[in-house]
């Protein structure tokens, strides 16, 4: 029973709906803000930003942890996990947006897919050094994706170049939507 009470308390506190402690007031009676004696006492911090008639009193350590969590939270739309990553030297200079890539290979054969993706990556890197390549494992598939294109038209142009250069890849070459890496 205590476990459920704690979970409900955390949820209500996090959404700003609960008043953790009424200063000099019985919690079962309706709250009267005119009766609020002390907003901050004994290391407790008050937070009344979201609702004007509601006062949330919380320990200052909890407020600090919540603030750290808010600052560390990813921006909306960036919750998906990518298995490919930027090189460490470029991590500060690039960011990710929605765009397009050319998928050149996709297979789920556990024995050969990874080696085949790497072999095709080497061939494409030799012929098209201007395009970044990404080998992505999304169980059970190994995929090879090429380029960071903002528009579908640019991705189609690159796909046509790849098909002309490697006719044996033409059957698998397709345009896919993806999070792409672009310079700031």
N, C-alpha and C. Protein backbone atom coordinates (compact mmCIF):
# COMPACT_ATOMS: atom_id res chain seq x y z
N UNK A 1 0.82 -1.19 0.00
CA UNK A 1 0.00 0.00 0.00
C UNK A 1 0.87 1.26 0.00
N UNK A 2 1.95 1.27 0.76
CA UNK A 2 2.84 2.43 0.83
C UNK A 2 3.47 2.73 -0.52
N UNK A 3 3.79 1.68 -1.29
CA UNK A 3 4.40 1.86 -2.59
C UNK A 3 3.48 2.66 -3.52
N UNK A 4 2.19 2.38 -3.48
CA UNK A 4 1.24 3.08 -4.33
C UNK A 4 1.04 4.51 -3.86
N UNK A 5 1.05 4.73 -2.55
CA UNK A 5 0.91 6.09 -2.04
C UNK A 5 2.10 6.94 -2.47
N UNK A 6 3.29 6.39 -2.42
CA UNK A 6 4.48 7.12 -2.81
C UNK A 6 4.44 7.46 -4.30
N UNK A 7 4.01 6.50 -5.14
CA UNK A 7 3.93 6.75 -6.57
C UNK A 7 2.94 7.85 -6.88
N UNK A 8 1.77 7.82 -6.25
CA UNK A 8 0.77 8.84 -6.49
C UNK A 8 1.27 10.20 -6.01
N UNK A 9 1.96 10.23 -4.89
CA UNK A 9 2.51 11.47 -4.37
C UNK A 9 3.53 12.05 -5.35
N UNK A 10 4.41 11.22 -5.88
CA UNK A 10 5.42 11.69 -6.83
C UNK A 10 4.76 12.24 -8.09
N UNK A 11 3.76 11.55 -8.59
CA UNK A 11 3.08 11.99 -9.82
C UNK A 11 2.40 13.33 -9.57
N UNK A 12 1.68 13.46 -8.49
CA UNK A 12 0.99 14.71 -8.21
C UNK A 12 1.96 15.85 -7.96
N UNK A 13 3.06 15.58 -7.29
CA UNK A 13 4.06 16.61 -7.03
C UNK A 13 4.69 17.06 -8.33
N UNK A 14 5.01 16.13 -9.21
CA UNK A 14 5.67 16.46 -10.46
C UNK A 14 4.77 17.28 -11.37
N UNK A 15 3.46 17.10 -11.32
CA UNK A 15 2.57 17.86 -12.18
C UNK A 15 2.14 19.17 -11.56
N UNK A 16 2.53 19.45 -10.36
CA UNK A 16 2.22 20.73 -9.74
C UNK A 16 0.80 20.83 -9.22
N UNK A 17 0.12 19.71 -9.02
CA UNK A 17 -1.27 19.73 -8.59
C UNK A 17 -1.40 19.55 -7.09
N UNK A 18 -0.42 18.96 -6.46
CA UNK A 18 -0.53 18.63 -5.05
C UNK A 18 0.14 19.68 -4.17
N UNK A 19 -0.45 19.92 -3.04
CA UNK A 19 0.21 20.76 -2.03
C UNK A 19 0.77 19.81 -1.01
N UNK A 20 2.10 19.75 -0.94
CA UNK A 20 2.76 18.75 -0.10
C UNK A 20 2.52 19.01 1.38
N UNK A 21 2.38 20.29 1.75
CA UNK A 21 2.25 20.60 3.16
C UNK A 21 1.50 21.92 3.29
N UNK A 22 0.48 21.96 4.10
CA UNK A 22 -0.25 23.19 4.36
C UNK A 22 0.33 23.82 5.63
N UNK A 23 0.71 25.06 5.54
CA UNK A 23 1.31 25.74 6.69
C UNK A 23 0.21 26.10 7.68
N UNK A 24 0.15 25.37 8.80
CA UNK A 24 -0.82 25.64 9.85
C UNK A 24 -2.25 25.37 9.45
N UNK A 25 -2.48 24.39 8.58
CA UNK A 25 -3.81 24.14 8.05
C UNK A 25 -4.10 22.65 8.03
N UNK A 26 -5.34 22.27 8.31
CA UNK A 26 -5.76 20.87 8.26
C UNK A 26 -5.94 20.47 6.80
N UNK A 27 -5.20 19.45 6.28
CA UNK A 27 -5.28 19.10 4.87
C UNK A 27 -6.63 18.57 4.43
N UNK A 28 -7.50 18.17 5.34
CA UNK A 28 -8.80 17.66 4.95
C UNK A 28 -9.82 18.77 4.73
N UNK A 29 -9.53 19.97 5.17
CA UNK A 29 -10.42 21.11 4.98
C UNK A 29 -9.98 21.89 3.75
N UNK A 30 -10.92 22.62 3.13
CA UNK A 30 -10.52 23.44 1.97
C UNK A 30 -9.44 24.44 2.35
N UNK A 31 -8.53 24.69 1.43
CA UNK A 31 -7.38 25.55 1.70
C UNK A 31 -7.76 27.01 1.52
N UNK A 32 -7.38 27.83 2.47
CA UNK A 32 -7.64 29.26 2.43
C UNK A 32 -6.29 29.97 2.33
N UNK A 33 -5.95 30.58 1.15
CA UNK A 33 -4.65 31.21 1.00
C UNK A 33 -4.42 32.37 1.98
N UNK A 34 -5.51 32.98 2.47
CA UNK A 34 -5.34 34.07 3.43
C UNK A 34 -4.79 33.55 4.75
N UNK A 35 -4.96 32.25 5.02
CA UNK A 35 -4.48 31.63 6.25
C UNK A 35 -3.06 31.12 6.14
N UNK A 36 -2.45 31.24 4.98
CA UNK A 36 -1.10 30.70 4.77
C UNK A 36 -0.10 31.54 5.56
N UNK A 37 0.50 30.94 6.57
CA UNK A 37 1.38 31.67 7.46
C UNK A 37 2.81 31.77 6.97
N UNK A 38 3.35 30.65 6.53
CA UNK A 38 4.76 30.64 6.19
C UNK A 38 4.97 29.93 4.87
N UNK A 39 5.48 30.62 3.87
CA UNK A 39 5.73 30.01 2.57
C UNK A 39 7.02 29.21 2.57
N UNK A 40 8.05 29.69 3.26
CA UNK A 40 9.33 28.99 3.28
C UNK A 40 9.78 28.87 4.72
N UNK A 41 10.01 27.61 5.12
CA UNK A 41 10.48 27.40 6.49
C UNK A 41 11.27 26.12 6.56
N UNK A 42 12.31 26.13 7.36
CA UNK A 42 13.11 24.93 7.62
C UNK A 42 13.62 24.26 6.35
N UNK A 43 14.22 25.01 5.44
CA UNK A 43 14.80 24.43 4.23
C UNK A 43 13.76 23.99 3.22
N UNK A 44 12.53 24.44 3.34
CA UNK A 44 11.47 24.08 2.41
C UNK A 44 11.33 25.22 1.40
N UNK A 45 11.02 24.87 0.15
CA UNK A 45 10.90 25.87 -0.90
C UNK A 45 9.48 25.86 -1.43
N UNK A 46 8.92 27.02 -1.69
CA UNK A 46 7.56 27.15 -2.19
C UNK A 46 7.61 27.33 -3.71
N UNK A 47 6.65 26.73 -4.39
CA UNK A 47 6.57 26.86 -5.84
C UNK A 47 5.12 27.06 -6.21
N UNK A 48 4.75 28.25 -6.62
CA UNK A 48 3.37 28.52 -6.98
C UNK A 48 3.28 29.12 -8.37
N UNK A 49 4.14 28.69 -9.30
CA UNK A 49 4.16 29.25 -10.64
C UNK A 49 2.97 28.81 -11.48
N UNK A 50 2.55 27.55 -11.36
CA UNK A 50 1.54 27.04 -12.27
C UNK A 50 0.13 27.45 -11.91
N UNK A 51 -0.26 27.46 -10.64
CA UNK A 51 -1.61 27.82 -10.22
C UNK A 51 -1.51 28.89 -9.13
N UNK A 52 -2.21 30.02 -9.29
CA UNK A 52 -2.05 31.10 -8.33
C UNK A 52 -2.60 30.78 -6.94
N UNK A 53 -3.64 29.95 -6.83
CA UNK A 53 -4.24 29.65 -5.53
C UNK A 53 -3.69 28.40 -4.90
N UNK A 54 -2.67 27.83 -5.46
CA UNK A 54 -2.11 26.59 -4.96
C UNK A 54 -0.65 26.81 -4.59
N UNK A 55 -0.29 26.40 -3.41
CA UNK A 55 1.09 26.55 -2.96
C UNK A 55 1.68 25.17 -2.73
N UNK A 56 2.76 24.88 -3.40
CA UNK A 56 3.46 23.62 -3.22
C UNK A 56 4.72 23.91 -2.43
N UNK A 57 4.85 23.27 -1.30
CA UNK A 57 6.04 23.46 -0.47
C UNK A 57 6.83 22.17 -0.54
N UNK A 58 8.08 22.30 -0.96
CA UNK A 58 8.93 21.12 -1.15
C UNK A 58 10.32 21.39 -0.61
N UNK A 59 11.03 20.35 -0.25
CA UNK A 59 12.40 20.54 0.21
C UNK A 59 13.25 21.16 -0.90
N UNK A 60 14.18 22.01 -0.55
CA UNK A 60 15.02 22.66 -1.55
C UNK A 60 15.87 21.65 -2.31
N UNK A 61 16.24 20.54 -1.67
CA UNK A 61 17.01 19.50 -2.37
C UNK A 61 16.18 18.87 -3.48
N UNK A 62 14.87 18.68 -3.24
CA UNK A 62 14.00 18.12 -4.27
C UNK A 62 13.85 19.11 -5.42
N UNK A 63 13.73 20.38 -5.10
CA UNK A 63 13.63 21.40 -6.14
C UNK A 63 14.87 21.40 -7.02
N UNK A 64 16.04 21.25 -6.41
CA UNK A 64 17.29 21.22 -7.17
C UNK A 64 17.34 20.00 -8.08
N UNK A 65 16.90 18.85 -7.58
CA UNK A 65 16.90 17.63 -8.41
C UNK A 65 15.92 17.75 -9.57
N UNK A 66 14.75 18.32 -9.32
CA UNK A 66 13.77 18.51 -10.39
C UNK A 66 14.32 19.46 -11.45
N UNK A 67 15.01 20.50 -11.04
CA UNK A 67 15.59 21.45 -11.99
C UNK A 67 16.67 20.77 -12.83
N UNK A 68 17.50 19.95 -12.22
CA UNK A 68 18.51 19.20 -12.98
C UNK A 68 17.85 18.30 -14.00
N UNK A 69 16.76 17.64 -13.60
CA UNK A 69 16.05 16.74 -14.50
C UNK A 69 15.44 17.52 -15.66
N UNK A 70 14.86 18.68 -15.39
CA UNK A 70 14.27 19.50 -16.46
C UNK A 70 15.34 19.94 -17.45
N UNK A 71 16.51 20.32 -16.96
CA UNK A 71 17.59 20.77 -17.84
C UNK A 71 18.19 19.64 -18.65
N UNK A 72 18.16 18.42 -18.13
CA UNK A 72 18.75 17.28 -18.83
C UNK A 72 17.77 16.62 -19.77
N UNK A 73 16.49 16.96 -19.73
CA UNK A 73 15.48 16.31 -20.56
C UNK A 73 15.73 16.65 -22.03
N UNK A 74 15.57 15.65 -22.94
CA UNK A 74 15.76 15.92 -24.36
C UNK A 74 14.62 16.77 -24.89
N UNK A 75 14.88 17.48 -25.98
CA UNK A 75 13.85 18.29 -26.60
C UNK A 75 12.79 17.38 -27.20
N UNK A 76 11.63 17.93 -27.43
CA UNK A 76 10.53 17.14 -27.99
C UNK A 76 10.95 16.55 -29.32
N UNK A 77 10.60 15.31 -29.56
CA UNK A 77 10.93 14.64 -30.80
C UNK A 77 12.29 13.99 -30.81
N UNK A 78 13.09 14.14 -29.79
CA UNK A 78 14.41 13.55 -29.78
C UNK A 78 14.50 12.36 -28.83
N UNK A 79 13.39 11.69 -28.61
CA UNK A 79 13.40 10.57 -27.68
C UNK A 79 13.82 9.27 -28.36
N UNK A 80 13.78 9.22 -29.68
CA UNK A 80 14.15 7.98 -30.33
C UNK A 80 15.64 7.70 -30.17
N UNK A 81 15.98 6.46 -30.04
CA UNK A 81 17.36 6.05 -29.83
C UNK A 81 17.97 5.71 -31.18
N UNK A 82 19.08 6.32 -31.49
CA UNK A 82 19.80 6.05 -32.73
C UNK A 82 21.02 5.21 -32.41
N UNK A 83 21.28 4.21 -33.25
CA UNK A 83 22.47 3.40 -33.01
C UNK A 83 23.68 3.98 -33.71
N UNK A 84 23.47 4.86 -34.70
CA UNK A 84 24.60 5.52 -35.32
C UNK A 84 24.86 6.81 -34.57
N UNK A 85 26.11 7.27 -34.53
CA UNK A 85 26.43 8.47 -33.77
C UNK A 85 27.42 9.31 -34.54
N UNK A 86 27.52 10.56 -34.12
CA UNK A 86 28.47 11.47 -34.74
C UNK A 86 29.86 11.22 -34.20
N UNK A 87 30.88 11.47 -35.00
CA UNK A 87 32.24 11.39 -34.46
C UNK A 87 32.40 12.38 -33.32
N UNK A 88 33.25 12.06 -32.35
CA UNK A 88 33.42 12.91 -31.16
C UNK A 88 33.90 14.30 -31.55
N UNK A 89 34.72 14.42 -32.59
CA UNK A 89 35.25 15.72 -32.98
C UNK A 89 34.16 16.63 -33.54
N UNK A 90 33.09 16.05 -34.10
CA UNK A 90 32.03 16.84 -34.71
C UNK A 90 30.82 16.99 -33.81
N UNK A 91 30.81 16.37 -32.65
CA UNK A 91 29.62 16.34 -31.81
C UNK A 91 29.14 17.74 -31.45
N UNK A 92 30.03 18.68 -31.19
CA UNK A 92 29.63 20.01 -30.82
C UNK A 92 29.27 20.88 -32.01
N UNK A 93 29.65 20.48 -33.21
CA UNK A 93 29.47 21.30 -34.39
C UNK A 93 28.26 20.90 -35.22
N UNK A 94 27.59 19.82 -34.87
CA UNK A 94 26.49 19.31 -35.69
C UNK A 94 25.27 19.07 -34.81
N UNK A 95 24.11 19.05 -35.44
CA UNK A 95 22.89 18.68 -34.73
C UNK A 95 22.00 17.86 -35.65
N UNK A 96 20.93 17.29 -35.10
CA UNK A 96 20.10 16.36 -35.85
C UNK A 96 18.74 16.99 -36.15
N UNK A 97 18.28 16.80 -37.40
CA UNK A 97 16.97 17.27 -37.83
C UNK A 97 16.31 16.17 -38.65
N UNK A 98 15.03 16.34 -38.96
CA UNK A 98 14.35 15.39 -39.83
C UNK A 98 14.80 15.62 -41.26
N UNK A 99 15.05 14.53 -41.97
CA UNK A 99 15.50 14.63 -43.35
C UNK A 99 15.38 13.28 -44.04
N UNK A 100 16.28 13.03 -45.00
CA UNK A 100 16.22 11.82 -45.81
C UNK A 100 17.60 11.20 -45.94
N UNK A 101 17.62 9.89 -46.10
CA UNK A 101 18.83 9.15 -46.43
C UNK A 101 18.49 8.14 -47.51
N UNK A 102 19.54 7.65 -48.16
CA UNK A 102 19.37 6.60 -49.16
C UNK A 102 19.74 5.29 -48.49
N UNK A 103 18.78 4.38 -48.41
CA UNK A 103 19.06 3.06 -47.83
C UNK A 103 19.53 2.15 -48.96
N UNK A 104 20.74 1.62 -48.81
CA UNK A 104 21.36 0.82 -49.85
C UNK A 104 21.28 -0.67 -49.53
N UNK A 105 21.18 -1.00 -48.26
CA UNK A 105 21.20 -2.41 -47.86
C UNK A 105 20.35 -2.60 -46.61
N UNK A 106 19.61 -3.72 -46.59
CA UNK A 106 18.84 -4.11 -45.41
C UNK A 106 18.67 -5.62 -45.46
N UNK A 107 19.11 -6.29 -44.39
CA UNK A 107 18.99 -7.75 -44.34
C UNK A 107 18.99 -8.20 -42.89
N UNK A 108 18.38 -9.37 -42.65
CA UNK A 108 18.31 -9.89 -41.28
C UNK A 108 19.02 -11.23 -41.11
N UNK A 109 19.88 -11.60 -42.05
CA UNK A 109 20.65 -12.83 -41.92
C UNK A 109 21.73 -12.61 -40.86
N UNK A 110 21.61 -13.33 -39.74
CA UNK A 110 22.52 -13.10 -38.61
C UNK A 110 23.98 -13.40 -38.94
N UNK A 111 24.22 -14.29 -39.87
CA UNK A 111 25.60 -14.70 -40.17
C UNK A 111 26.33 -13.76 -41.11
N UNK A 112 25.61 -13.18 -42.07
CA UNK A 112 26.32 -12.45 -43.12
C UNK A 112 25.97 -10.97 -43.24
N UNK A 113 24.89 -10.52 -42.63
CA UNK A 113 24.40 -9.16 -42.86
C UNK A 113 25.39 -8.08 -42.47
N UNK A 114 26.01 -8.19 -41.32
CA UNK A 114 26.94 -7.16 -40.87
C UNK A 114 28.13 -7.05 -41.82
N UNK A 115 28.71 -8.17 -42.21
CA UNK A 115 29.87 -8.13 -43.11
C UNK A 115 29.47 -7.58 -44.49
N UNK A 116 28.29 -7.95 -44.96
CA UNK A 116 27.83 -7.46 -46.25
C UNK A 116 27.60 -5.94 -46.20
N UNK A 117 27.03 -5.44 -45.11
CA UNK A 117 26.81 -4.00 -44.96
C UNK A 117 28.15 -3.27 -44.96
N UNK A 118 29.14 -3.82 -44.26
CA UNK A 118 30.47 -3.18 -44.22
C UNK A 118 31.16 -3.22 -45.58
N UNK A 119 31.01 -4.31 -46.32
CA UNK A 119 31.62 -4.40 -47.66
C UNK A 119 31.00 -3.37 -48.60
N UNK A 120 29.67 -3.23 -48.55
CA UNK A 120 29.01 -2.25 -49.41
C UNK A 120 29.37 -0.83 -48.98
N UNK A 121 29.55 -0.62 -47.67
CA UNK A 121 29.95 0.70 -47.17
C UNK A 121 31.32 1.07 -47.73
N UNK A 122 32.27 0.13 -47.74
CA UNK A 122 33.60 0.41 -48.27
C UNK A 122 33.53 0.80 -49.75
N UNK A 123 32.72 0.07 -50.53
CA UNK A 123 32.58 0.38 -51.96
C UNK A 123 32.01 1.77 -52.17
N UNK A 124 30.98 2.11 -51.40
CA UNK A 124 30.34 3.42 -51.57
C UNK A 124 31.28 4.53 -51.11
N UNK A 125 32.02 4.32 -50.02
CA UNK A 125 32.97 5.33 -49.55
C UNK A 125 34.08 5.58 -50.56
N UNK A 126 34.53 4.54 -51.28
CA UNK A 126 35.56 4.71 -52.29
C UNK A 126 35.04 5.54 -53.46
N UNK A 127 33.82 5.25 -53.89
CA UNK A 127 33.25 5.92 -55.07
C UNK A 127 32.66 7.29 -54.74
N UNK A 128 32.04 7.43 -53.54
CA UNK A 128 31.38 8.68 -53.15
C UNK A 128 31.89 9.14 -51.78
N UNK A 129 33.10 9.66 -51.69
CA UNK A 129 33.62 10.08 -50.38
C UNK A 129 32.88 11.28 -49.80
N UNK A 130 32.12 11.99 -50.62
CA UNK A 130 31.40 13.17 -50.13
C UNK A 130 30.16 12.81 -49.31
N UNK A 131 29.68 11.57 -49.39
CA UNK A 131 28.51 11.13 -48.63
C UNK A 131 28.93 10.38 -47.37
N UNK A 132 28.31 10.73 -46.26
CA UNK A 132 28.51 9.98 -45.02
C UNK A 132 27.74 8.67 -45.13
N UNK A 133 28.27 7.61 -44.54
CA UNK A 133 27.58 6.32 -44.53
C UNK A 133 27.30 5.93 -43.08
N UNK A 134 26.19 5.24 -42.87
CA UNK A 134 25.77 4.84 -41.54
C UNK A 134 25.32 3.38 -41.58
N UNK A 135 25.99 2.55 -40.80
CA UNK A 135 25.52 1.17 -40.62
C UNK A 135 24.73 1.15 -39.33
N UNK A 136 23.46 0.74 -39.43
CA UNK A 136 22.54 0.78 -38.30
C UNK A 136 22.04 -0.63 -38.04
N UNK A 137 22.09 -1.04 -36.78
CA UNK A 137 21.50 -2.33 -36.39
C UNK A 137 20.25 -2.05 -35.59
N UNK A 138 19.11 -2.43 -36.14
CA UNK A 138 17.82 -2.34 -35.47
C UNK A 138 17.25 -3.74 -35.52
N UNK A 139 17.41 -4.47 -34.45
CA UNK A 139 17.15 -5.90 -34.39
C UNK A 139 15.88 -6.30 -35.11
N UNK A 140 15.93 -7.27 -35.99
CA UNK A 140 17.06 -8.12 -36.40
C UNK A 140 17.76 -7.64 -37.66
N UNK A 141 17.50 -6.40 -38.10
CA UNK A 141 18.01 -5.93 -39.39
C UNK A 141 19.29 -5.12 -39.27
N UNK A 142 20.22 -5.39 -40.21
CA UNK A 142 21.39 -4.55 -40.43
C UNK A 142 21.06 -3.71 -41.66
N UNK A 143 21.27 -2.40 -41.55
CA UNK A 143 20.95 -1.51 -42.66
C UNK A 143 22.14 -0.60 -42.94
N UNK A 144 22.34 -0.29 -44.21
CA UNK A 144 23.35 0.68 -44.63
C UNK A 144 22.61 1.86 -45.24
N UNK A 145 22.83 3.04 -44.65
CA UNK A 145 22.20 4.26 -45.14
C UNK A 145 23.28 5.23 -45.55
N UNK A 146 22.99 6.02 -46.57
CA UNK A 146 23.97 6.93 -47.15
C UNK A 146 23.43 8.35 -47.15
N UNK A 147 24.27 9.29 -46.74
CA UNK A 147 23.97 10.71 -46.89
C UNK A 147 23.12 11.32 -45.79
N UNK A 148 23.12 12.64 -45.79
CA UNK A 148 22.29 13.47 -44.92
C UNK A 148 21.64 14.52 -45.82
N UNK A 149 20.42 14.25 -46.27
CA UNK A 149 19.77 15.11 -47.24
C UNK A 149 18.57 15.81 -46.61
N UNK A 150 18.51 17.12 -46.79
CA UNK A 150 17.39 17.89 -46.23
C UNK A 150 16.12 17.70 -47.05
N UNK A 151 16.24 17.51 -48.35
CA UNK A 151 15.06 17.37 -49.20
C UNK A 151 15.03 16.00 -49.86
N UNK A 152 13.84 15.56 -50.20
CA UNK A 152 13.68 14.27 -50.87
C UNK A 152 14.28 14.33 -52.27
N UNK A 153 14.24 15.48 -52.92
CA UNK A 153 14.81 15.64 -54.25
C UNK A 153 16.31 15.38 -54.23
N UNK A 154 17.01 15.92 -53.24
CA UNK A 154 18.46 15.69 -53.12
C UNK A 154 18.75 14.20 -52.89
N UNK A 155 17.93 13.56 -52.07
CA UNK A 155 18.12 12.14 -51.80
C UNK A 155 17.88 11.31 -53.06
N UNK A 156 16.88 11.68 -53.86
CA UNK A 156 16.60 10.97 -55.11
C UNK A 156 17.76 11.11 -56.08
N UNK A 157 18.35 12.29 -56.15
CA UNK A 157 19.51 12.51 -57.03
C UNK A 157 20.67 11.61 -56.62
N UNK A 158 20.94 11.53 -55.32
CA UNK A 158 22.01 10.67 -54.82
C UNK A 158 21.70 9.20 -55.08
N UNK A 159 20.43 8.81 -54.90
CA UNK A 159 20.04 7.42 -55.15
C UNK A 159 20.26 7.05 -56.62
N UNK A 160 19.95 7.98 -57.52
CA UNK A 160 20.19 7.73 -58.95
C UNK A 160 21.67 7.56 -59.24
N UNK A 161 22.51 8.40 -58.62
CA UNK A 161 23.97 8.28 -58.80
C UNK A 161 24.46 6.92 -58.31
N UNK A 162 23.97 6.49 -57.16
CA UNK A 162 24.39 5.20 -56.59
C UNK A 162 23.94 4.04 -57.48
N UNK A 163 22.72 4.14 -58.01
CA UNK A 163 22.22 3.08 -58.90
C UNK A 163 23.05 2.99 -60.18
N UNK A 164 23.45 4.16 -60.73
CA UNK A 164 24.28 4.14 -61.94
C UNK A 164 25.67 3.58 -61.65
N UNK A 165 26.23 3.94 -60.49
CA UNK A 165 27.58 3.48 -60.15
C UNK A 165 27.60 2.00 -59.76
N UNK A 166 26.54 1.54 -59.11
CA UNK A 166 26.46 0.15 -58.63
C UNK A 166 25.13 -0.47 -59.05
N UNK A 167 25.04 -0.93 -60.29
CA UNK A 167 23.77 -1.51 -60.75
C UNK A 167 23.33 -2.73 -59.92
N UNK A 168 24.29 -3.43 -59.31
CA UNK A 168 23.94 -4.60 -58.49
C UNK A 168 23.22 -4.21 -57.20
N UNK A 169 23.32 -2.93 -56.78
CA UNK A 169 22.62 -2.46 -55.58
C UNK A 169 21.24 -1.89 -55.90
N UNK A 170 20.95 -1.69 -57.19
CA UNK A 170 19.75 -0.94 -57.61
C UNK A 170 18.45 -1.50 -57.04
N UNK A 171 18.36 -2.81 -56.89
CA UNK A 171 17.12 -3.42 -56.41
C UNK A 171 16.80 -3.01 -54.97
N UNK A 172 17.82 -2.77 -54.16
CA UNK A 172 17.61 -2.45 -52.75
C UNK A 172 17.64 -0.96 -52.43
N UNK A 173 18.07 -0.12 -53.37
CA UNK A 173 18.21 1.31 -53.10
C UNK A 173 16.84 1.95 -52.99
N UNK A 174 16.62 2.66 -51.87
CA UNK A 174 15.36 3.39 -51.66
C UNK A 174 15.61 4.59 -50.77
N UNK A 175 14.70 5.55 -50.84
CA UNK A 175 14.77 6.76 -50.02
C UNK A 175 14.01 6.49 -48.72
N UNK A 176 14.61 6.86 -47.58
CA UNK A 176 13.95 6.68 -46.28
C UNK A 176 14.03 7.99 -45.49
N UNK A 177 13.00 8.23 -44.71
CA UNK A 177 13.02 9.37 -43.79
C UNK A 177 13.86 8.97 -42.59
N UNK A 178 14.65 9.93 -42.09
CA UNK A 178 15.54 9.63 -40.95
C UNK A 178 15.92 10.93 -40.28
N UNK A 179 16.51 10.81 -39.10
CA UNK A 179 17.12 11.97 -38.42
C UNK A 179 18.50 12.11 -39.00
N UNK A 180 18.78 13.27 -39.58
CA UNK A 180 20.05 13.47 -40.25
C UNK A 180 20.94 14.43 -39.46
N UNK A 181 22.24 14.36 -39.71
CA UNK A 181 23.22 15.21 -39.05
C UNK A 181 23.57 16.36 -39.99
N UNK A 182 23.42 17.59 -39.48
CA UNK A 182 23.74 18.76 -40.29
C UNK A 182 24.62 19.71 -39.47
N UNK A 183 25.41 20.51 -40.16
CA UNK A 183 26.27 21.48 -39.49
C UNK A 183 25.40 22.61 -38.94
N UNK A 184 25.81 23.15 -37.82
CA UNK A 184 25.04 24.24 -37.18
C UNK A 184 25.16 25.51 -37.96
